[in-house]
Amino acid sequence: MTYRRKLLGLAGAAAVAALATGFMTTSALAQEVTLKLHQFLPAQANVPKLILDVWADNVEKDSQGRIKVDRYPSMQLGGRPPELMDQVVDGVADIVWTVVGYTPGRFPSTEVFELPFMMTNARAVSHAYWDMFEKHWKDTDFKDVHILGTWVHGPGMIHSNKPVEKPEDLQGMKIRGGSRSINSLLTELGATPVGMPVPAVSEGLSKGVIDGTTIPWEVTPALKVPELVRNHTEFTGNALYVLTFVLAMNKEKYESLPDDLKKVIDDNSGLEFSVFAGGTQADSDGPARQIAVDLGNNIITLDAEQTAVWKEASQPIYDAWIADMDSKGIDGQALIDEARMLIDKYTE
């Protein structure tokens, strides 16, 4: 082989190697990021189907396939619903959807939205919740995670095995409550609050462990509540209660993403997503309520005057919550005033 031919051979080999390296680099850049999304409801329930899947599908589409979101419903990655927040902090899951109240006292300030009769509608309260998260809690209560959305469900109400119209009707009943505030109200009114995650409600009702539950309409079909109890108590104006939710991402996982993929996550998260999530959840109340109507169940709708009696009975819960916040160095009354101002601002 001549020297010239040898050089050309070496140059060709180098070119092939460079081309291969280029392909490898391009392939590495285009490599999928897989995110594990963990939550506690069955995949066919409204929140996974109408909110979480929509978010995940949009992220996958907008990333042009570079992000893949694996969905794990019904606690398929293990653990119990109250452990979800620790799972996302520790990296067991990359993203979790959870009820803030599943860890009572861990995020005390957010409970301002869970106080009795604070809620007007889910879109307004979800908007107010995001505003206060960004102002007060982003770098304090939730500093260990990257929050993608904050929202609440539609009006919380009572579903029970006997009619409940007046506060005293709850005396002696065992009622599943979804948060610290609603459990305090149940105790105040003479009921026995029973703490259990939403998925356990069906078994609790069927076995008589509980006489009723506090949940919004939208989740009742998935839990077969209209078949398990015959009485449903609604309130006029401000709802009995709501729960606060977060969609939270592991902070290190988020920060490890390249800027363009962070932007995909950001563009599908935040205020607009939070209002969409709360509104979508509340929009599912109507079809769920109709199931109970079709079954001939007893739906009790308390008018404004009757609801006012319940509001007055809930005042000790406010007093106790404000005192609890004050003991933690938090101005509870100021949070209530700010939340009410924002809720009124965004209520149409």
Protein backbone atom coordinates (compact mmCIF):
# COMPACT_ATOMS: atom_id res chain seq x y z
CA MET A 1 0.00 0.00 0.00
CA THR A 2 1.39 3.45 -0.94
CA TYR A 3 1.77 6.12 1.72
CA ARG A 4 -0.91 8.23 -0.02
CA ARG A 5 -3.40 5.36 -0.06
CA LYS A 6 -2.64 4.62 3.56
CA LEU A 7 -3.38 8.26 4.50
CA LEU A 8 -6.66 8.18 2.56
CA GLY A 9 -7.57 4.97 4.37
CA LEU A 10 -6.83 6.50 7.73
CA ALA A 11 -8.78 9.64 6.82
CA GLY A 12 -11.74 7.55 5.73
CA ALA A 13 -11.68 5.58 8.94
CA ALA A 14 -11.53 8.80 10.94
CA ALA A 15 -14.47 10.18 9.01
CA VAL A 16 -16.51 7.06 9.68
CA ALA A 17 -15.58 7.22 13.37
CA ALA A 18 -16.54 10.89 13.54
CA LEU A 19 -19.83 10.19 11.83
CA ALA A 20 -20.54 7.35 14.24
CA THR A 21 -19.73 9.61 17.17
CA GLY A 22 -22.08 12.21 15.76
CA PHE A 23 -24.86 9.65 15.52
CA MET A 24 -24.19 8.57 19.11
CA THR A 25 -24.28 12.17 20.32
CA THR A 26 -27.52 12.85 18.46
CA SER A 27 -28.98 9.63 19.81
CA ALA A 28 -27.96 10.55 23.34
CA LEU A 29 -29.56 13.98 23.00
CA ALA A 30 -32.77 12.42 21.71
CA GLN A 31 -32.84 9.73 24.38
CA GLU A 32 -36.09 9.46 26.31
CA VAL A 33 -36.42 10.70 29.87
CA THR A 34 -38.80 8.37 31.67
CA LEU A 35 -40.81 9.80 34.55
CA LYS A 36 -42.69 7.58 37.01
CA LEU A 37 -46.03 9.12 38.02
CA HIS A 38 -47.51 7.51 41.13
CA GLN A 39 -50.95 8.07 42.65
CA PHE A 40 -53.62 6.32 44.72
CA LEU A 41 -56.73 6.07 42.54
CA PRO A 42 -57.60 3.43 39.93
CA ALA A 43 -56.58 4.38 36.39
CA GLN A 44 -60.23 4.70 35.29
CA ALA A 45 -61.15 7.23 38.01
CA ASN A 46 -61.79 10.83 36.96
CA VAL A 47 -58.57 12.45 38.16
CA PRO A 48 -56.20 9.98 36.47
CA LYS A 49 -58.31 9.79 33.32
CA LEU A 50 -59.29 13.44 32.87
CA ILE A 51 -56.40 15.33 34.49
CA LEU A 52 -53.22 13.33 35.07
CA ASP A 53 -53.35 11.49 31.75
CA VAL A 54 -54.04 14.75 29.93
CA TRP A 55 -51.01 16.35 31.58
CA ALA A 56 -48.78 13.35 30.84
CA ASP A 57 -49.98 13.01 27.24
CA ASN A 58 -49.33 16.71 26.59
CA VAL A 59 -45.84 16.50 28.07
CA GLU A 60 -45.02 13.50 25.90
CA LYS A 61 -46.40 15.19 22.78
CA ASP A 62 -44.73 18.57 23.40
CA SER A 63 -41.38 16.91 24.08
CA GLN A 64 -41.68 15.11 20.72
CA GLY A 65 -41.29 11.79 22.48
CA ARG A 66 -38.21 12.71 24.47
CA ILE A 67 -40.17 12.49 27.73
CA LYS A 68 -42.12 9.36 28.54
CA VAL A 69 -44.46 9.33 31.52
CA ASP A 70 -45.09 5.90 33.02
CA ARG A 71 -48.31 5.96 35.05
CA TYR A 72 -48.68 3.89 38.23
CA PRO A 73 -52.24 4.03 39.63
CA SER A 74 -53.57 2.47 42.83
CA MET A 75 -50.20 2.70 44.66
CA GLN A 76 -48.59 0.18 42.28
CA LEU A 77 -45.11 1.31 43.30
CA GLY A 78 -45.91 0.26 46.86
CA GLY A 79 -46.61 2.04 50.11
CA ARG A 80 -49.74 3.79 51.33
CA PRO A 81 -51.27 7.08 50.11
CA PRO A 82 -49.90 9.09 53.09
CA GLU A 83 -46.38 8.07 51.99
CA LEU A 84 -46.63 9.62 48.52
CA MET A 85 -45.01 12.91 49.47
CA ASP A 86 -42.01 11.13 50.99
CA GLN A 87 -41.80 8.91 47.91
CA VAL A 88 -41.36 11.89 45.60
CA VAL A 89 -38.90 13.58 47.95
CA ASP A 90 -36.84 10.37 48.15
CA GLY A 91 -37.06 9.60 44.41
CA VAL A 92 -39.11 6.41 44.73
CA ALA A 93 -41.41 8.17 42.26
CA ASP A 94 -40.53 11.08 39.98
CA ILE A 95 -44.00 12.65 40.20
CA VAL A 96 -46.87 12.08 42.62
CA TRP A 97 -50.42 13.32 42.87
CA THR A 98 -51.52 13.41 46.48
CA VAL A 99 -53.82 14.92 49.07
CA VAL A 100 -51.91 17.42 51.19
CA GLY A 101 -54.05 16.48 54.20
CA TYR A 102 -52.84 12.88 54.10
CA THR A 103 -49.94 14.12 56.24
CA PRO A 104 -51.72 16.24 58.87
CA GLY A 105 -49.66 19.10 60.25
CA ARG A 106 -46.86 18.75 57.69
CA PHE A 107 -48.17 21.58 55.52
CA PRO A 108 -50.30 23.48 58.03
CA SER A 109 -50.74 26.74 56.13
CA THR A 110 -52.45 25.11 53.14
CA GLU A 111 -55.20 23.98 55.49
CA VAL A 112 -56.64 27.50 55.19
CA PHE A 113 -58.47 26.31 52.06
CA GLU A 114 -59.74 23.19 53.84
CA LEU A 115 -61.51 25.10 56.60
CA PRO A 116 -65.30 24.58 56.63
CA PHE A 117 -67.29 26.74 54.23
CA MET A 118 -64.29 28.54 52.70
CA MET A 119 -64.97 27.11 49.26
CA THR A 120 -67.11 28.75 46.54
CA ASN A 121 -66.10 26.88 43.39
CA ALA A 122 -63.13 24.75 42.41
CA ARG A 123 -61.72 27.08 39.74
CA ALA A 124 -61.71 30.12 42.02
CA VAL A 125 -60.21 28.27 44.97
CA SER A 126 -57.59 26.52 42.82
CA HIS A 127 -56.54 29.92 41.43
CA ALA A 128 -56.29 31.38 44.93
CA TYR A 129 -54.37 28.30 46.10
CA TRP A 130 -51.74 28.72 43.34
CA ASP A 131 -51.36 32.43 44.14
CA MET A 132 -50.74 31.73 47.81
CA PHE A 133 -48.46 28.78 47.03
CA GLU A 134 -46.21 31.03 44.93
CA LYS A 135 -46.26 33.84 47.49
CA HIS A 136 -45.97 31.89 50.75
CA TRP A 137 -45.18 28.19 50.35
CA LYS A 138 -43.03 27.59 47.28
CA ASP A 139 -39.77 28.16 49.14
CA THR A 140 -40.96 27.12 52.60
CA ASP A 141 -43.50 24.30 53.03
CA PHE A 142 -42.78 22.80 49.58
CA LYS A 143 -39.10 23.62 49.26
CA ASP A 144 -38.12 19.94 49.00
CA VAL A 145 -40.17 19.28 45.85
CA HIS A 146 -40.95 20.97 42.54
CA ILE A 147 -44.69 21.68 42.50
CA LEU A 148 -46.42 21.31 39.13
CA GLY A 149 -49.98 22.08 40.18
CA THR A 150 -52.15 22.97 43.17
CA TRP A 151 -55.91 22.52 43.15
CA VAL A 152 -59.05 21.52 45.02
CA HIS A 153 -62.04 19.36 44.12
CA GLY A 154 -65.68 20.36 43.81
CA PRO A 155 -67.90 20.95 46.83
CA GLY A 156 -67.32 18.44 49.61
CA MET A 157 -70.48 16.98 51.13
CA ILE A 158 -71.86 14.17 53.28
CA HIS A 159 -72.94 10.73 52.03
CA SER A 160 -74.52 8.64 54.78
CA ASN A 161 -76.67 5.64 55.68
CA LYS A 162 -79.25 7.86 57.39
CA PRO A 163 -80.47 11.39 56.53
CA VAL A 164 -78.35 14.30 57.77
CA GLU A 165 -80.01 17.73 57.72
CA LYS A 166 -79.03 19.42 60.99
CA PRO A 167 -75.62 19.35 62.70
CA GLU A 168 -77.05 17.31 65.57
CA ASP A 169 -78.02 14.54 63.12
CA LEU A 170 -74.33 13.58 63.02
CA GLN A 171 -74.21 12.69 66.71
CA GLY A 172 -73.04 9.15 67.26
CA MET A 173 -72.25 8.52 63.60
CA LYS A 174 -68.89 7.23 62.37
CA ILE A 175 -67.91 9.39 59.40
CA ARG A 176 -64.82 9.20 57.24
CA GLY A 177 -63.25 12.65 57.08
CA GLY A 178 -60.67 13.58 54.51
CA SER A 179 -58.69 16.24 56.38
CA ARG A 180 -57.75 17.47 59.82
CA SER A 181 -60.23 20.36 59.60
CA ILE A 182 -63.23 18.25 58.61
CA ASN A 183 -62.34 15.69 61.28
CA SER A 184 -62.30 18.49 63.85
CA LEU A 185 -65.72 19.65 62.66
CA LEU A 186 -67.13 16.12 62.85
CA THR A 187 -65.87 15.82 66.42
CA GLU A 188 -67.33 19.23 67.29
CA LEU A 189 -70.72 18.07 66.02
CA GLY A 190 -70.71 14.82 67.99
CA ALA A 191 -69.67 12.38 65.26
CA THR A 192 -66.69 10.04 65.43
CA PRO A 193 -64.25 10.87 62.62
CA VAL A 194 -62.59 7.88 60.99
CA GLY A 195 -59.39 8.49 59.08
CA MET A 196 -58.99 6.44 55.91
CA PRO A 197 -57.72 7.09 52.38
CA VAL A 198 -60.31 7.41 49.63
CA PRO A 199 -59.74 3.89 48.20
CA ALA A 200 -60.77 2.34 51.52
CA VAL A 201 -64.17 4.05 51.63
CA SER A 202 -66.06 1.33 49.72
CA GLU A 203 -64.97 -1.42 52.08
CA GLY A 204 -65.55 0.80 55.10
CA LEU A 205 -69.15 1.47 54.06
CA SER A 206 -69.93 -2.10 53.00
CA LYS A 207 -68.62 -3.56 56.26
CA GLY A 208 -70.23 -0.94 58.48
CA VAL A 209 -66.90 0.40 59.71
CA ILE A 210 -68.24 3.84 58.84
CA ASP A 211 -71.80 5.19 58.61
CA GLY A 212 -70.90 7.75 55.99
CA THR A 213 -68.16 9.68 54.29
CA THR A 214 -67.27 13.22 53.28
CA ILE A 215 -66.27 13.34 49.61
CA PRO A 216 -67.31 15.31 46.52
CA TRP A 217 -69.77 13.84 44.03
CA GLU A 218 -67.18 13.17 41.31
CA VAL A 219 -65.41 10.29 43.06
CA THR A 220 -68.57 8.52 44.27
CA PRO A 221 -69.09 6.29 41.19
CA ALA A 222 -65.57 4.85 41.39
CA LEU A 223 -66.22 3.99 45.05
CA LYS A 224 -69.79 2.76 44.46
CA VAL A 225 -71.01 5.14 47.16
CA PRO A 226 -74.51 5.64 45.66
CA GLU A 227 -75.07 1.89 45.91
CA LEU A 228 -73.70 1.67 49.46
CA VAL A 229 -75.58 4.60 51.04
CA ARG A 230 -78.89 6.23 50.17
CA ASN A 231 -78.55 9.73 51.62
CA HIS A 232 -76.52 12.66 50.30
CA THR A 233 -76.36 16.10 51.95
CA GLU A 234 -75.44 19.14 49.82
CA PHE A 235 -74.93 22.72 50.98
CA THR A 236 -75.87 26.02 49.33
CA GLY A 237 -73.24 28.70 48.63
CA ASN A 238 -69.96 27.84 50.30
CA ALA A 239 -69.25 24.12 50.38
CA LEU A 240 -68.85 22.12 53.59
CA TYR A 241 -65.17 21.59 52.82
CA VAL A 242 -62.57 20.78 50.16
CA LEU A 243 -59.26 18.94 50.11
CA THR A 244 -56.08 20.45 48.74
CA PHE A 245 -54.07 18.49 46.17
CA VAL A 246 -50.60 18.86 44.71
CA LEU A 247 -48.91 17.38 41.68
CA ALA A 248 -45.31 17.28 42.88
CA MET A 249 -42.07 16.34 41.11
CA ASN A 250 -38.78 15.19 42.56
CA LYS A 251 -36.66 18.33 42.70
CA GLU A 252 -33.38 16.71 41.58
CA LYS A 253 -35.12 14.99 38.67
CA TYR A 254 -36.58 18.27 37.47
CA GLU A 255 -33.30 20.13 37.83
CA SER A 256 -31.45 17.36 35.94
CA LEU A 257 -33.50 17.97 32.80
CA PRO A 258 -32.08 20.04 29.94
CA ASP A 259 -33.58 23.51 29.66
CA ASP A 260 -35.81 22.67 26.71
CA LEU A 261 -37.39 19.75 28.56
CA LYS A 262 -37.80 21.85 31.69
CA LYS A 263 -39.72 24.27 29.50
CA VAL A 264 -42.01 21.45 28.33
CA ILE A 265 -42.77 20.61 31.96
CA ASP A 266 -43.22 24.28 32.87
CA ASP A 267 -45.48 25.04 29.90
CA ASN A 268 -47.87 22.27 30.98
CA SER A 269 -47.85 23.16 34.68
CA GLY A 270 -48.55 26.11 36.94
CA LEU A 271 -51.59 28.36 37.30
CA GLU A 272 -53.42 27.45 34.10
CA PHE A 273 -53.03 23.74 34.73
CA SER A 274 -54.13 24.13 38.37
CA VAL A 275 -57.35 25.91 37.39
CA PHE A 276 -57.97 23.34 34.65
CA ALA A 277 -57.47 20.48 37.11
CA GLY A 278 -59.78 21.90 39.77
CA GLY A 279 -62.42 22.84 37.22
CA THR A 280 -62.28 19.48 35.45
CA GLN A 281 -62.66 17.62 38.72
CA ALA A 282 -65.66 19.76 39.67
CA ASP A 283 -67.24 19.36 36.22
CA SER A 284 -67.44 15.62 36.91
CA ASP A 285 -69.76 16.23 39.88
CA GLY A 286 -72.90 16.54 37.73
CA PRO A 287 -72.73 13.16 35.95
CA ALA A 288 -71.81 11.45 39.23
CA ARG A 289 -74.75 13.08 41.03
CA GLN A 290 -77.09 11.87 38.31
CA ILE A 291 -76.19 8.27 39.16
CA ALA A 292 -77.56 8.79 42.67
CA VAL A 293 -80.66 10.49 41.21
CA ASP A 294 -81.26 7.56 38.84
CA LEU A 295 -80.98 5.14 41.77
CA GLY A 296 -83.72 7.04 43.59
CA ASN A 297 -81.45 8.09 46.45
CA ASN A 298 -82.41 10.79 48.95
CA ILE A 299 -80.56 13.98 47.99
CA ILE A 300 -80.89 16.66 50.67
CA THR A 301 -79.99 20.14 49.46
CA LEU A 302 -79.76 22.54 52.39
CA ASP A 303 -80.82 26.08 51.56
CA ALA A 304 -78.87 29.20 52.55
CA GLU A 305 -80.65 29.51 55.91
CA GLN A 306 -80.01 25.86 56.80
CA THR A 307 -76.40 26.11 55.64
CA ALA A 308 -75.90 29.16 57.87
CA VAL A 309 -76.65 26.98 60.92
CA TRP A 310 -73.78 24.68 59.92
CA LYS A 311 -71.49 27.65 59.31
CA GLU A 312 -72.15 28.98 62.79
CA ALA A 313 -71.46 25.54 64.25
CA SER A 314 -68.09 25.47 62.48
CA GLN A 315 -66.73 28.66 64.10
CA PRO A 316 -64.85 26.78 66.87
CA ILE A 317 -62.81 25.07 64.11
CA TYR A 318 -61.63 28.48 62.91
CA ASP A 319 -60.77 29.58 66.42
CA ALA A 320 -58.77 26.42 67.11
CA TRP A 321 -56.97 26.60 63.74
CA ILE A 322 -55.97 30.22 64.24
CA ALA A 323 -54.64 29.41 67.71
CA ASP A 324 -52.71 26.44 66.30
CA MET A 325 -51.16 28.59 63.57
CA ASP A 326 -50.27 31.29 66.07
CA SER A 327 -48.46 28.69 68.18
CA LYS A 328 -46.33 27.91 65.11
CA GLY A 329 -45.51 31.56 64.51
CA ILE A 330 -47.95 31.80 61.59
CA ASP A 331 -50.62 34.52 61.40
CA GLY A 332 -53.64 32.29 60.83
CA GLN A 333 -56.20 35.10 60.66
CA ALA A 334 -54.12 36.87 58.01
CA LEU A 335 -54.06 33.69 55.90
CA ILE A 336 -57.84 33.34 56.22
CA ASP A 337 -58.36 36.97 55.21
CA GLU A 338 -56.04 36.63 52.21
CA ALA A 339 -57.61 33.37 51.08
CA ARG A 340 -61.11 34.81 51.31
CA MET A 341 -60.07 37.94 49.41
CA LEU A 342 -58.57 35.89 46.58
CA ILE A 343 -61.47 33.44 46.46
CA ASP A 344 -63.94 36.34 46.22
CA LYS A 345 -61.76 37.93 43.52
CA TYR A 346 -61.79 34.83 41.32
CA THR A 347 -65.37 33.66 42.00
CA GLU A 348 -67.61 34.35 39.05
